[in-house]
PDB file of N, CA and C in Angstrom:
ATOM      1  N   MET A   1     108.726 105.211 117.141  1.00  0.00           N
ATOM      2  CA  MET A   1     108.240 105.259 115.774  1.00  0.00           C
ATOM      3  C   MET A   1     109.444 105.212 114.842  1.00  0.00           C
ATOM      4  N   VAL A   2     109.327 104.396 113.834  1.00  0.00           N
ATOM      5  CA  VAL A   2     110.445 104.192 112.930  1.00  0.00           C
ATOM      6  C   VAL A   2     110.223 104.877 111.594  1.00  0.00           C
ATOM      7  N   GLY A   3     109.009 104.856 111.089  1.00  0.00           N
ATOM      8  CA  GLY A   3     108.761 105.436 109.778  1.00  0.00           C
ATOM      9  C   GLY A   3     107.309 105.817 109.609  1.00  0.00           C
ATOM     10  N   ALA A   4     107.072 106.552 108.553  1.00  0.00           N
ATOM     11  CA  ALA A   4     105.704 106.968 108.227  1.00  0.00           C
ATOM     12  C   ALA A   4     105.541 106.916 106.721  1.00  0.00           C
ATOM     13  N   ASN A   5     104.385 106.439 106.289  1.00  0.00           N
ATOM     14  CA  ASN A   5     104.111 106.335 104.870  1.00  0.00           C
ATOM     15  C   ASN A   5     102.614 106.176 104.691  1.00  0.00           C
ATOM     16  N   GLU A   6     102.072 106.707 103.616  1.00  0.00           N
ATOM     17  CA  GLU A   6     100.643 106.566 103.347  1.00  0.00           C
ATOM     18  C   GLU A   6     100.323 105.271 102.608  1.00  0.00           C
ATOM     19  N   ASP A   7     101.341 104.579 102.115  1.00  0.00           N
ATOM     20  CA  ASP A   7     101.146 103.337 101.367  1.00  0.00           C
ATOM     21  C   ASP A   7     101.235 102.151 102.330  1.00  0.00           C
ATOM     22  N   TYR A   8     100.112 101.510 102.562  1.00  0.00           N
ATOM     23  CA  TYR A   8     100.048 100.397 103.520  1.00  0.00           C
ATOM     24  C   TYR A   8     101.013  99.277 103.145  1.00  0.00           C
ATOM     25  N   TYR A   9     101.159  99.004 101.857  1.00  0.00           N
ATOM     26  CA  TYR A   9     102.042  97.923 101.431  1.00  0.00           C
ATOM     27  C   TYR A   9     103.500  98.241 101.778  1.00  0.00           C
ATOM     28  N   GLU A  10     103.890  99.489 101.678  1.00  0.00           N
ATOM     29  CA  GLU A  10     105.240  99.896 102.066  1.00  0.00           C
ATOM     30  C   GLU A  10     105.418  99.764 103.581  1.00  0.00           C
ATOM     31  N   ILE A  11     104.385 100.097 104.334  1.00  0.00           N
ATOM     32  CA  ILE A  11     104.436  99.958 105.789  1.00  0.00           C
ATOM     33  C   ILE A  11     104.593  98.482 106.176  1.00  0.00           C
ATOM     34  N   LEU A  12     103.856  97.604 105.504  1.00  0.00           N
ATOM     35  CA  LEU A  12     103.996  96.166 105.784  1.00  0.00           C
ATOM     36  C   LEU A  12     105.415  95.689 105.500  1.00  0.00           C
ATOM     37  N   ARG A  13     106.003  96.141 104.399  1.00  0.00           N
ATOM     38  CA  ARG A  13     107.369  95.765 104.061  1.00  0.00           C
ATOM     39  C   ARG A  13     108.338  96.209 105.158  1.00  0.00           C
ATOM     40  N   LEU A  14     108.171  97.445 105.623  1.00  0.00           N
ATOM     41  CA  LEU A  14     109.022  97.970 106.680  1.00  0.00           C
ATOM     42  C   LEU A  14     108.846  97.177 107.975  1.00  0.00           C
ATOM     43  N   LYS A  15     107.606  96.854 108.304  1.00  0.00           N
ATOM     44  CA  LYS A  15     107.337  96.080 109.524  1.00  0.00           C
ATOM     45  C   LYS A  15     108.023  94.716 109.459  1.00  0.00           C
ATOM     46  N   GLU A  16     107.922  94.049 108.320  1.00  0.00           N
ATOM     47  CA  GLU A  16     108.556  92.735 108.184  1.00  0.00           C
ATOM     48  C   GLU A  16     110.076  92.844 108.308  1.00  0.00           C
ATOM     49  N   GLU A  17     110.638  93.900 107.757  1.00  0.00           N
ATOM     50  CA  GLU A  17     112.079  94.130 107.870  1.00  0.00           C
ATOM     51  C   GLU A  17     112.473  94.344 109.335  1.00  0.00           C
ATOM     52  N   LEU A  18     111.684  95.113 110.047  1.00  0.00           N
ATOM     53  CA  LEU A  18     111.977  95.422 111.448  1.00  0.00           C
ATOM     54  C   LEU A  18     111.774  94.232 112.376  1.00  0.00           C
ATOM     55  N   LYS A  19     110.861  93.322 112.009  1.00  0.00           N
ATOM     56  CA  LYS A  19     110.557  92.190 112.880  1.00  0.00           C
ATOM     57  C   LYS A  19     111.760  91.293 113.119  1.00  0.00           C
ATOM     58  N   GLN A  20     112.756  91.338 112.233  1.00  0.00           N
ATOM     59  CA  GLN A  20     113.958  90.542 112.436  1.00  0.00           C
ATOM     60  C   GLN A  20     114.673  90.986 113.706  1.00  0.00           C
ATOM     61  N   GLU A  21     114.695  92.284 113.933  1.00  0.00           N
ATOM     62  CA  GLU A  21     115.374  92.827 115.111  1.00  0.00           C
ATOM     63  C   GLU A  21     114.400  93.159 116.249  1.00  0.00           C
ATOM     64  N   PHE A  22     113.163  93.478 115.871  1.00  0.00           N
ATOM     65  CA  PHE A  22     112.143  93.844 116.862  1.00  0.00           C
ATOM     66  C   PHE A  22     110.886  93.003 116.609  1.00  0.00           C
ATOM     67  N   PRO A  23     110.854  91.766 117.128  1.00  0.00           N
ATOM     68  CA  PRO A  23     109.754  90.847 116.821  1.00  0.00           C
ATOM     69  C   PRO A  23     108.364  91.343 117.242  1.00  0.00           C
ATOM     70  N   GLU A  24     108.307  92.290 118.146  1.00  0.00           N
ATOM     71  CA  GLU A  24     107.008  92.790 118.596  1.00  0.00           C
ATOM     72  C   GLU A  24     106.590  94.081 117.889  1.00  0.00           C
ATOM     73  N   ALA A  25     107.240  94.395 116.768  1.00  0.00           N
ATOM     74  CA  ALA A  25     106.907  95.599 116.007  1.00  0.00           C
ATOM     75  C   ALA A  25     105.443  95.543 115.562  1.00  0.00           C
ATOM     76  N   PHE A  26     104.798  96.695 115.522  1.00  0.00           N
ATOM     77  CA  PHE A  26     103.407  96.750 115.085  1.00  0.00           C
ATOM     78  C   PHE A  26     103.141  98.067 114.367  1.00  0.00           C
ATOM     79  N   ILE A  27     101.993  98.127 113.695  1.00  0.00           N
ATOM     80  CA  ILE A  27     101.600  99.291 112.909  1.00  0.00           C
ATOM     81  C   ILE A  27     100.565 100.094 113.688  1.00  0.00           C
ATOM     82  N   VAL A  28     100.714 101.408 113.651  1.00  0.00           N
ATOM     83  CA  VAL A  28      99.757 102.322 114.266  1.00  0.00           C
ATOM     84  C   VAL A  28      99.313 103.299 113.179  1.00  0.00           C
ATOM     85  N   ALA A  29      98.019 103.533 113.072  1.00  0.00           N
ATOM     86  CA  ALA A  29      97.484 104.422 112.031  1.00  0.00           C
ATOM     87  C   ALA A  29      97.044 105.759 112.627  1.00  0.00           C
ATOM     88  N   PHE A  30      97.296 106.803 111.864  1.00  0.00           N
ATOM     89  CA  PHE A  30      96.893 108.159 112.256  1.00  0.00           C
ATOM     90  C   PHE A  30      96.176 108.837 111.099  1.00  0.00           C
ATOM     91  N   ARG A  31      95.195 109.657 111.422  1.00  0.00           N
ATOM     92  CA  ARG A  31      94.502 110.503 110.437  1.00  0.00           C
ATOM     93  C   ARG A  31      94.392 111.883 111.056  1.00  0.00           C
ATOM     94  N   ASN A  32      94.915 112.871 110.367  1.00  0.00           N
ATOM     95  CA  ASN A  32      94.884 114.259 110.853  1.00  0.00           C
ATOM     96  C   ASN A  32      95.481 114.378 112.253  1.00  0.00           C
ATOM     97  N   GLY A  33      96.548 113.638 112.500  1.00  0.00           N
ATOM     98  CA  GLY A  33      97.241 113.717 113.776  1.00  0.00           C
ATOM     99  C   GLY A  33      96.594 112.953 114.915  1.00  0.00           C
ATOM    100  N   GLN A  34      95.488 112.269 114.638  1.00  0.00           N
ATOM    101  CA  GLN A  34      94.786 111.494 115.661  1.00  0.00           C
ATOM    102  C   GLN A  34      94.928 110.001 115.366  1.00  0.00           C
ATOM    103  N   ARG A  35      95.192 109.224 116.399  1.00  0.00           N
ATOM    104  CA  ARG A  35      95.295 107.779 116.223  1.00  0.00           C
ATOM    105  C   ARG A  35      93.928 107.214 115.876  1.00  0.00           C
ATOM    106  N   VAL A  36      93.892 106.308 114.889  1.00  0.00           N
ATOM    107  CA  VAL A  36      92.646 105.671 114.463  1.00  0.00           C
ATOM    108  C   VAL A  36      92.834 104.161 114.446  1.00  0.00           C
ATOM    109  N   ASN A  37      91.740 103.450 114.387  1.00  0.00           N
ATOM    110  CA  ASN A  37      91.753 101.994 114.321  1.00  0.00           C
ATOM    111  C   ASN A  37      92.514 101.561 113.070  1.00  0.00           C
ATOM    112  N   THR A  38      93.541 100.737 113.241  1.00  0.00           N
ATOM    113  CA  THR A  38      94.382 100.319 112.123  1.00  0.00           C
ATOM    114  C   THR A  38      93.583  99.521 111.092  1.00  0.00           C
ATOM    115  N   GLY A  39      92.715  98.657 111.543  1.00  0.00           N
ATOM    116  CA  GLY A  39      91.889  97.872 110.618  1.00  0.00           C
ATOM    117  C   GLY A  39      91.038  98.754 109.728  1.00  0.00           C
ATOM    118  N   GLU A  40      90.438  99.775 110.314  1.00  0.00           N
ATOM    119  CA  GLU A  40      89.623 100.709 109.531  1.00  0.00           C
ATOM    120  C   GLU A  40      90.492 101.499 108.553  1.00  0.00           C
ATOM    121  N   ALA A  41      91.679 101.882 108.986  1.00  0.00           N
ATOM    122  CA  ALA A  41      92.589 102.625 108.106  1.00  0.00           C
ATOM    123  C   ALA A  41      93.002 101.767 106.910  1.00  0.00           C
ATOM    124  N   VAL A  42      93.249 100.475 107.140  1.00  0.00           N
ATOM    125  CA  VAL A  42      93.621  99.575 106.054  1.00  0.00           C
ATOM    126  C   VAL A  42      92.455  99.436 105.079  1.00  0.00           C
ATOM    127  N   LYS A  43      91.247  99.267 105.591  1.00  0.00           N
ATOM    128  CA  LYS A  43      90.068  99.157 104.721  1.00  0.00           C
ATOM    129  C   LYS A  43      89.924 100.405 103.858  1.00  0.00           C
ATOM    130  N   GLU A  44      90.122 101.570 104.453  1.00  0.00           N
ATOM    131  CA  GLU A  44      90.031 102.825 103.713  1.00  0.00           C
ATOM    132  C   GLU A  44      91.122 102.904 102.642  1.00  0.00           C
ATOM    133  N   PHE A  45      92.331 102.476 102.972  1.00  0.00           N
ATOM    134  CA  PHE A  45      93.431 102.479 102.008  1.00  0.00           C
ATOM    135  C   PHE A  45      93.084 101.603 100.810  1.00  0.00           C
ATOM    136  N   VAL A  46      92.617 100.383 101.064  1.00  0.00           N
ATOM    137  CA  VAL A  46      92.288  99.445  99.988  1.00  0.00           C
ATOM    138  C   VAL A  46      91.148 100.015  99.138  1.00  0.00           C
ATOM    139  N   LYS A  47      90.148 100.573  99.785  1.00  0.00           N
ATOM    140  CA  LYS A  47      89.017 101.166  99.062  1.00  0.00           C
ATOM    141  C   LYS A  47      89.496 102.298  98.152  1.00  0.00           C
ATOM    142  N   ASN A  48      90.337 103.178  98.662  1.00  0.00           N
ATOM    143  CA  ASN A  48      90.843 104.296  97.864  1.00  0.00           C
ATOM    144  C   ASN A  48      91.765 103.821  96.754  1.00  0.00           C
ATOM    145  N   LYS A  49      92.523 102.757  97.017  1.00  0.00           N
ATOM    146  CA  LYS A  49      93.420 102.203  95.995  1.00  0.00           C
ATOM    147  C   LYS A  49      92.608 101.649  94.826  1.00  0.00           C
ATOM    148  N   ARG A  50      91.485 101.007  95.141  1.00  0.00           N
ATOM    149  CA  ARG A  50      90.618 100.453  94.090  1.00  0.00           C
ATOM    150  C   ARG A  50      89.994 101.559  93.262  1.00  0.00           C
ATOM    151  N   LYS A  51      89.598 102.656  93.916  1.00  0.00           N
ATOM    152  CA  LYS A  51      89.011 103.793  93.203  1.00  0.00           C
ATOM    153  C   LYS A  51      89.997 104.407  92.218  1.00  0.00           C
ATOM    154  N   ALA A  52      91.279 104.391  92.592  1.00  0.00           N
ATOM    155  CA  ALA A  52      92.316 105.002  91.762  1.00  0.00           C
ATOM    156  C   ALA A  52      92.619 104.179  90.510  1.00  0.00           C
ATOM    157  N   MET A  53      92.200 102.920  90.499  1.00  0.00           N
ATOM    158  CA  MET A  53      92.503 102.048  89.355  1.00  0.00           C
ATOM    159  C   MET A  53      91.592 102.298  88.203  1.00  0.00           C
TER     160      MET A  53
END
């Protein structure tokens, strides 16, 4: 594990930066210490981001 952040866009930026040296880098999502489906976590992030606007 390289980093942790609640902002999905920041995580994507970090992943792209890491892919130069680690082409197989990937994102893993956690909620309350439990691993969750990354796609569902992204949907929840986008939904909450829209609510905040």
